[in-house]
Amino acid sequence: MSNKSYELNTVKRSKTKRFMIELYKQRHLHMMVIPAIVFFFIFSYIPMYGIIIAFKDYNFVDGIWGSPWVGLKHFKMFFSEPNLWNLFKNTMGISILKTVIGFPGPIIFALLLNELSSKRFKKTVQTISYLPHFVSIVVIVGMVTKFCSANGGLFNEVLMALHIIDEPVSFLAEPDYFWGILIGISVWQGIGWGSIIYCSAISGIDQTLYEAATIDGAGRFKKIWHVTLPGILPIVTIYLILSMSSILTGSGFDDIYLLRNNMTMDVSETISVYSYEMGIGKGRYSFGTAIGLFTSCVNLVLLIVSNYVSKKVSETSLW
C-alpha cells in the first residue's frame, strides 16, 4: 500500500471515529428523536405503497394487489373532466391569494411586535394572537356563519348601523364574498402563530447592528429596512419556498368544505374538495388517489424549481 493510500485511510478512520464519538455524546438527543421517526415511518411511509391503486381499478374484494391494473386510465379521466378548468382556477386563485395576503401578514406582525417597548403588553398581544390557531376550524366556521347570517348577524347589524347597507346580506350565499371570507379566516387564524418563527429570528439578530444604525442616525423604519429585514431574510425565503411548493394544496380543504353551500359551488370547487368527493364521497378510490398523486408530483416539482431559483438568486435554499 502506498503512503498516499495509507494516509487517506487513516484520515477516513479518524473522521469515522470522531463521528462515532459525537454520536455517542448526543445519544440522549437521538433517543428522543426515535419515537418521531418510528411514528412517521409507520403512519407516513409504510402507507405510501397504497398509491399504486391510482393505476388500478381498486375494489375491496380483490384488495390492493388483486385489483386489475389499468395504467393511466384515472389520470386521463381527470384531465378530460369538463370542470377541470374551474377546479384549477379556484385552486390556484385561492392559493395565490392566501400566499400574497397571508404570507406577509406574520412578517409584518412580528416586526410590529418587535417595536413594542412594553414587554407585558407585547406578551399579552402575542398570547391573544396565538389563540385562534388552537381553535377548531369547525368552531371558527360556526362563528363566521353566525356573524355573516342575514338574520341578526353581527356584520349585517354593524353595516346597517353605519348605513353602509340598507338591508341584510347573506354573505355566505354570495359567490362574490366567498373567497374574501375564506382568506380572512385563514389570515386571522394563522397570523399570530406564523409570527413565532419570525419573532425568534428577530431576537437572534446581533444588537450591535442596531446600535451602529443608531449612531449613523437611522430611525425606526430604516432600522427595520436595513437591519431587521435582512436579518430574517433567510427564514422568509425558506418559508416562501415551502409556500410555493404547496400551490395546489395551499387552498386548504377543511375551511372550504365547511363553508361551501349550494350557492357557492362554482367558486368553492377546488382540487382537494373534488378529490375528497370523488374518492370518499362516491367510492372512486382509485380516481381520488390519482388526483392526490398528481397534485403531490406537481408540488414536488414546484419545490425543486423554487429551491433552485432561490439558491441562484439569494443563495438561500433548503438543500
Protein backbone atom coordinates (compact mmCIF):
# COMPACT_ATOMS: atom_id res chain seq x y z
CA MET A 1 0.00 0.00 0.00
CA SER A 2 1.36 3.44 -0.96
CA ASN A 3 1.90 6.18 1.57
CA LYS A 4 -0.87 8.28 -0.03
CA SER A 5 -3.44 5.48 0.26
CA TYR A 6 -2.37 4.81 3.82
CA GLU A 7 -2.81 8.50 4.71
CA LEU A 8 -6.29 8.60 3.10
CA ASN A 9 -7.39 5.50 5.02
CA THR A 10 -6.04 7.00 8.23
CA VAL A 11 -7.99 10.23 7.66
CA LYS A 12 -11.19 8.27 6.92
CA ARG A 13 -10.79 6.17 10.07
CA SER A 14 -10.13 9.33 12.08
CA LYS A 15 -13.29 11.01 10.72
CA THR A 16 -15.36 7.90 11.37
CA LYS A 17 -14.03 7.68 14.91
CA ARG A 18 -14.83 11.35 15.60
CA PHE A 19 -18.30 10.88 14.16
CA MET A 20 -19.00 7.87 16.38
CA ILE A 21 -17.72 9.75 19.43
CA GLU A 22 -20.02 12.71 18.71
CA LEU A 23 -22.90 10.33 18.05
CA TYR A 24 -22.33 8.67 21.42
CA LYS A 25 -22.14 12.01 23.21
CA GLN A 26 -25.52 13.02 21.73
CA ARG A 27 -27.15 9.62 22.28
CA HIS A 28 -29.82 11.03 24.59
CA LEU A 29 -30.91 13.56 21.97
CA HIS A 30 -31.06 10.86 19.29
CA MET A 31 -33.13 8.64 21.57
CA MET A 32 -35.67 11.46 21.88
CA VAL A 33 -35.98 11.57 18.07
CA ILE A 34 -36.55 7.82 17.68
CA PRO A 35 -40.30 7.89 18.60
CA ALA A 36 -40.92 10.59 15.95
CA ILE A 37 -39.01 8.58 13.33
CA VAL A 38 -40.99 5.44 14.17
CA PHE A 39 -44.27 7.38 14.06
CA PHE A 40 -43.64 8.84 10.59
CA PHE A 41 -42.30 5.54 9.29
CA ILE A 42 -45.43 3.65 10.36
CA PHE A 43 -48.09 6.23 9.54
CA SER A 44 -46.49 8.14 6.64
CA TYR A 45 -44.03 5.95 4.77
CA ILE A 46 -45.48 2.45 5.02
CA PRO A 47 -48.94 3.54 3.76
CA MET A 48 -47.30 5.09 0.67
CA TYR A 49 -47.45 1.72 -1.08
CA GLY A 50 -51.20 2.35 -1.36
CA ILE A 51 -50.64 4.94 -4.12
CA ILE A 52 -50.44 2.07 -6.61
CA ILE A 53 -54.25 1.96 -6.57
CA ALA A 54 -54.06 5.13 -8.69
CA PHE A 55 -53.00 2.78 -11.50
CA LYS A 56 -55.63 0.12 -10.71
CA ASP A 57 -59.41 -0.29 -10.55
CA TYR A 58 -59.39 -0.84 -6.82
CA ASN A 59 -62.14 -2.82 -5.09
CA PHE A 60 -62.43 -4.21 -1.57
CA VAL A 61 -62.91 -7.80 -2.69
CA ASP A 62 -59.65 -8.14 -4.65
CA GLY A 63 -57.65 -5.78 -2.45
CA ILE A 64 -54.77 -3.57 -3.50
CA TRP A 65 -52.65 -6.27 -5.13
CA GLY A 66 -55.51 -8.24 -6.64
CA SER A 67 -57.31 -5.33 -8.30
CA PRO A 68 -56.85 -5.11 -12.09
CA TRP A 69 -54.10 -2.87 -13.45
CA VAL A 70 -55.39 -0.04 -15.69
CA GLY A 71 -52.31 2.16 -16.07
CA LEU A 72 -53.01 5.88 -16.59
CA LYS A 73 -56.77 5.47 -17.02
CA HIS A 74 -57.73 7.56 -13.96
CA PHE A 75 -55.26 10.32 -14.80
CA LYS A 76 -56.74 10.58 -18.31
CA MET A 77 -60.23 10.72 -16.81
CA PHE A 78 -59.18 13.58 -14.56
CA PHE A 79 -57.66 15.60 -17.40
CA SER A 80 -60.76 15.03 -19.53
CA GLU A 81 -63.03 16.27 -16.70
CA PRO A 82 -65.33 19.04 -18.09
CA ASN A 83 -64.96 21.00 -14.86
CA LEU A 84 -61.14 20.81 -14.87
CA TRP A 85 -60.53 24.47 -15.73
CA ASN A 86 -62.81 25.64 -12.93
CA LEU A 87 -61.03 23.33 -10.46
CA PHE A 88 -57.62 24.74 -11.37
CA LYS A 89 -58.91 28.33 -11.41
CA ASN A 90 -60.40 28.07 -7.92
CA THR A 91 -57.42 26.15 -6.50
CA MET A 92 -54.79 28.46 -7.94
CA GLY A 93 -56.80 31.61 -7.19
CA ILE A 94 -57.36 30.78 -3.52
CA SER A 95 -53.78 29.52 -3.04
CA ILE A 96 -52.20 32.57 -4.64
CA LEU A 97 -54.39 35.00 -2.69
CA LYS A 98 -53.65 33.18 0.57
CA THR A 99 -49.94 33.43 -0.21
CA VAL A 100 -49.98 37.07 -1.35
CA ILE A 101 -52.15 38.25 1.55
CA GLY A 102 -51.38 35.70 4.24
CA PHE A 103 -47.63 35.27 3.77
CA PRO A 104 -46.56 38.89 4.58
CA GLY A 105 -49.03 39.07 7.50
CA PRO A 106 -46.94 37.20 10.11
CA ILE A 107 -43.80 39.07 9.00
CA ILE A 108 -45.41 42.49 9.41
CA PHE A 109 -46.99 41.42 12.69
CA ALA A 110 -43.62 40.20 14.03
CA LEU A 111 -41.97 43.50 13.01
CA LEU A 112 -44.68 45.46 14.81
CA LEU A 113 -44.33 43.31 17.93
CA ASN A 114 -40.59 43.89 17.90
CA GLU A 115 -41.16 47.65 18.07
CA LEU A 116 -43.24 47.44 21.27
CA SER A 117 -41.32 48.73 24.27
CA SER A 118 -43.62 47.27 26.96
CA LYS A 119 -42.77 43.58 27.45
CA ARG A 120 -46.02 42.89 29.33
CA PHE A 121 -48.15 44.40 26.58
CA LYS A 122 -46.10 42.54 23.97
CA LYS A 123 -46.65 39.17 25.67
CA THR A 124 -50.36 39.91 26.05
CA VAL A 125 -50.73 40.72 22.34
CA GLN A 126 -48.76 37.61 21.39
CA THR A 127 -50.90 35.36 23.58
CA ILE A 128 -54.14 36.76 22.18
CA SER A 129 -52.90 36.45 18.60
CA TYR A 130 -51.88 32.80 19.11
CA LEU A 131 -55.29 31.70 20.41
CA PRO A 132 -57.15 31.41 17.06
CA HIS A 133 -54.61 28.82 15.90
CA PHE A 134 -55.73 26.43 18.65
CA VAL A 135 -59.44 26.88 17.97
CA SER A 136 -61.00 24.14 15.84
CA ILE A 137 -61.83 25.20 12.30
CA VAL A 138 -65.31 23.76 12.88
CA VAL A 139 -65.84 26.23 15.74
CA ILE A 140 -64.45 29.12 13.69
CA VAL A 141 -66.68 28.33 10.72
CA GLY A 142 -69.65 28.13 13.09
CA MET A 143 -68.79 31.58 14.45
CA VAL A 144 -68.36 33.04 10.97
CA THR A 145 -71.67 31.53 9.88
CA LYS A 146 -73.42 33.27 12.78
CA PHE A 147 -71.64 36.58 12.17
CA CYS A 148 -72.44 36.52 8.43
CA SER A 149 -76.07 35.49 8.87
CA ALA A 150 -78.70 37.72 7.27
CA ASN A 151 -80.91 37.12 10.30
CA GLY A 152 -79.34 39.17 13.07
CA GLY A 153 -75.72 38.53 12.09
CA LEU A 154 -73.09 40.79 13.64
CA PHE A 155 -71.67 42.01 10.33
CA ASN A 156 -75.08 42.95 8.98
CA GLU A 157 -76.02 44.74 12.19
CA VAL A 158 -72.80 46.80 12.15
CA LEU A 159 -73.00 47.63 8.44
CA MET A 160 -76.63 48.65 8.72
CA ALA A 161 -75.90 50.77 11.80
CA LEU A 162 -73.19 52.56 9.81
CA HIS A 163 -75.64 52.95 6.86
CA ILE A 164 -73.28 51.10 4.53
CA ILE A 165 -76.05 48.71 3.50
CA ASP A 166 -79.82 49.22 3.61
CA GLU A 167 -80.88 45.60 4.09
CA PRO A 168 -79.28 42.40 5.41
CA VAL A 169 -76.99 40.46 3.07
CA SER A 170 -76.48 36.71 3.23
CA PHE A 171 -72.70 36.86 2.76
CA LEU A 172 -72.09 33.11 2.70
CA ALA A 173 -74.71 32.67 -0.03
CA GLU A 174 -73.00 35.21 -2.29
CA PRO A 175 -70.21 33.76 -4.51
CA ASP A 176 -68.52 37.19 -4.70
CA TYR A 177 -67.82 37.19 -0.96
CA PHE A 178 -66.74 33.55 -0.55
CA TRP A 179 -63.02 33.93 -1.33
CA GLY A 180 -62.76 37.08 0.80
CA ILE A 181 -64.33 35.39 3.83
CA LEU A 182 -62.20 32.26 3.34
CA ILE A 183 -58.93 34.19 3.10
CA GLY A 184 -59.91 36.43 6.02
CA ILE A 185 -60.40 33.35 8.22
CA SER A 186 -57.04 31.92 7.12
CA VAL A 187 -55.14 35.15 7.83
CA TRP A 188 -56.85 35.73 11.18
CA GLN A 189 -56.24 32.18 12.36
CA GLY A 190 -52.62 31.96 11.23
CA ILE A 191 -51.08 35.41 11.61
CA GLY A 192 -50.20 35.08 15.30
CA TRP A 193 -48.92 31.53 15.14
CA GLY A 194 -46.97 32.20 11.96
CA SER A 195 -45.19 35.16 13.56
CA ILE A 196 -43.50 32.97 16.21
CA ILE A 197 -40.63 31.86 13.97
CA TYR A 198 -40.05 35.42 12.76
CA CYS A 199 -40.05 36.78 16.32
CA SER A 200 -37.44 34.16 17.20
CA ALA A 201 -35.34 35.12 14.19
CA ILE A 202 -35.55 38.82 15.10
CA SER A 203 -34.46 38.11 18.67
CA GLY A 204 -31.35 36.40 17.30
CA ILE A 205 -30.14 39.46 15.37
CA ASP A 206 -26.95 40.98 16.76
CA GLN A 207 -27.95 44.02 18.83
CA THR A 208 -24.72 45.82 17.95
CA LEU A 209 -26.12 46.26 14.44
CA TYR A 210 -28.99 48.32 15.87
CA GLU A 211 -26.52 50.33 17.95
CA ALA A 212 -24.40 51.04 14.89
CA ALA A 213 -27.52 52.06 12.95
CA THR A 214 -28.49 54.44 15.78
CA ILE A 215 -25.04 56.03 15.71
CA ASP A 216 -25.42 56.52 11.95
CA GLY A 217 -28.69 58.37 12.61
CA ALA A 218 -31.10 55.69 11.40
CA GLY A 219 -34.69 55.90 12.61
CA ARG A 220 -37.03 53.02 13.39
CA PHE A 221 -38.12 52.49 9.81
CA LYS A 222 -34.55 52.46 8.49
CA LYS A 223 -33.51 50.02 11.21
CA ILE A 224 -36.34 47.70 10.16
CA TRP A 225 -35.42 48.03 6.48
CA HIS A 226 -31.63 47.77 6.75
CA VAL A 227 -31.16 45.57 9.85
CA THR A 228 -34.25 43.58 10.81
CA LEU A 229 -35.47 42.51 7.36
CA PRO A 230 -32.01 41.41 6.10
CA GLY A 231 -31.57 39.52 9.38
CA ILE A 232 -34.71 37.43 8.87
CA LEU A 233 -34.47 37.18 5.08
CA PRO A 234 -33.17 33.57 5.06
CA ILE A 235 -36.16 32.43 7.16
CA VAL A 236 -38.55 34.37 4.94
CA THR A 237 -37.02 32.78 1.84
CA ILE A 238 -37.35 29.24 3.20
CA TYR A 239 -40.98 29.79 4.15
CA LEU A 240 -41.69 31.27 0.72
CA ILE A 241 -40.17 28.19 -0.94
CA LEU A 242 -42.39 25.93 1.19
CA SER A 243 -45.43 28.07 0.34
CA MET A 244 -44.74 27.84 -3.39
CA SER A 245 -44.33 24.07 -3.13
CA SER A 246 -47.91 23.66 -1.92
CA ILE A 247 -49.66 25.80 -4.50
CA LEU A 248 -52.12 23.03 -5.47
CA THR A 249 -52.93 22.14 -1.87
CA GLY A 250 -52.43 25.54 -0.23
CA SER A 251 -56.03 26.48 -0.92
CA GLY A 252 -56.98 24.24 2.01
CA PHE A 253 -59.75 21.73 2.48
CA ASP A 254 -61.42 21.88 5.90
CA ASP A 255 -62.40 25.54 5.79
CA ILE A 256 -63.60 25.37 2.17
CA TYR A 257 -65.59 22.19 2.70
CA LEU A 258 -67.28 23.56 5.82
CA LEU A 259 -68.06 27.00 4.37
CA ARG A 260 -69.33 25.97 0.94
CA ASN A 261 -73.01 25.56 0.11
CA ASN A 262 -75.19 25.09 -2.95
CA MET A 263 -75.00 28.79 -3.78
CA THR A 264 -71.18 28.92 -3.83
CA MET A 265 -70.33 25.62 -5.53
CA ASP A 266 -68.78 27.27 -8.60
CA VAL A 267 -66.24 29.28 -6.58
CA SER A 268 -65.51 26.66 -3.90
CA GLU A 269 -64.86 23.58 -6.02
CA THR A 270 -61.10 23.03 -5.61
CA ILE A 271 -58.93 20.03 -6.46
CA SER A 272 -58.75 18.93 -2.80
CA VAL A 273 -62.52 19.11 -2.37
CA TYR A 274 -63.13 17.36 -5.69
CA SER A 275 -60.67 14.59 -4.80
CA TYR A 276 -62.46 14.02 -1.49
CA GLU A 277 -65.91 13.98 -3.06
CA MET A 278 -64.85 11.55 -5.79
CA GLY A 279 -62.67 9.30 -3.63
CA ILE A 280 -64.53 9.15 -0.32
CA GLY A 281 -67.95 10.53 -1.21
CA LYS A 282 -68.57 8.39 -4.29
CA GLY A 283 -66.25 5.49 -3.51
CA ARG A 284 -63.99 6.09 -6.53
CA TYR A 285 -60.86 5.42 -4.51
CA SER A 286 -58.50 4.91 -7.44
CA PHE A 287 -59.68 8.12 -9.10
CA GLY A 288 -59.27 10.13 -5.89
CA THR A 289 -55.81 8.65 -5.31
CA ALA A 290 -54.78 9.55 -8.87
CA ILE A 291 -55.76 13.17 -8.27
CA GLY A 292 -53.84 13.25 -4.99
CA LEU A 293 -50.76 11.70 -6.61
CA PHE A 294 -50.90 14.24 -9.43
CA THR A 295 -51.04 17.21 -7.03
CA SER A 296 -48.18 15.75 -4.95
CA CYS A 297 -45.99 15.38 -8.05
CA VAL A 298 -46.71 18.96 -9.14
CA ASN A 299 -45.93 20.24 -5.65
CA LEU A 300 -42.64 18.31 -5.66
CA VAL A 301 -41.65 19.87 -8.99
CA LEU A 302 -42.56 23.34 -7.70
CA LEU A 303 -40.48 22.72 -4.58
CA ILE A 304 -37.41 21.76 -6.60
CA VAL A 305 -37.81 24.68 -9.02
CA SER A 306 -38.43 27.22 -6.22
CA ASN A 307 -35.45 25.93 -4.28
CA TYR A 308 -33.23 26.13 -7.38
CA VAL A 309 -34.32 29.68 -8.22
CA SER A 310 -33.87 30.80 -4.61
CA LYS A 311 -30.39 29.30 -4.48
CA LYS A 312 -29.38 31.12 -7.65
CA VAL A 313 -30.92 34.45 -6.67
CA SER A 314 -30.36 34.71 -2.91
CA GLU A 315 -28.02 31.77 -2.12
CA THR A 316 -30.59 30.57 0.41
CA SER A 317 -32.18 27.16 -0.09
CA LEU A 318 -33.46 24.06 1.65
CA TRP A 319 -30.52 22.00 0.44
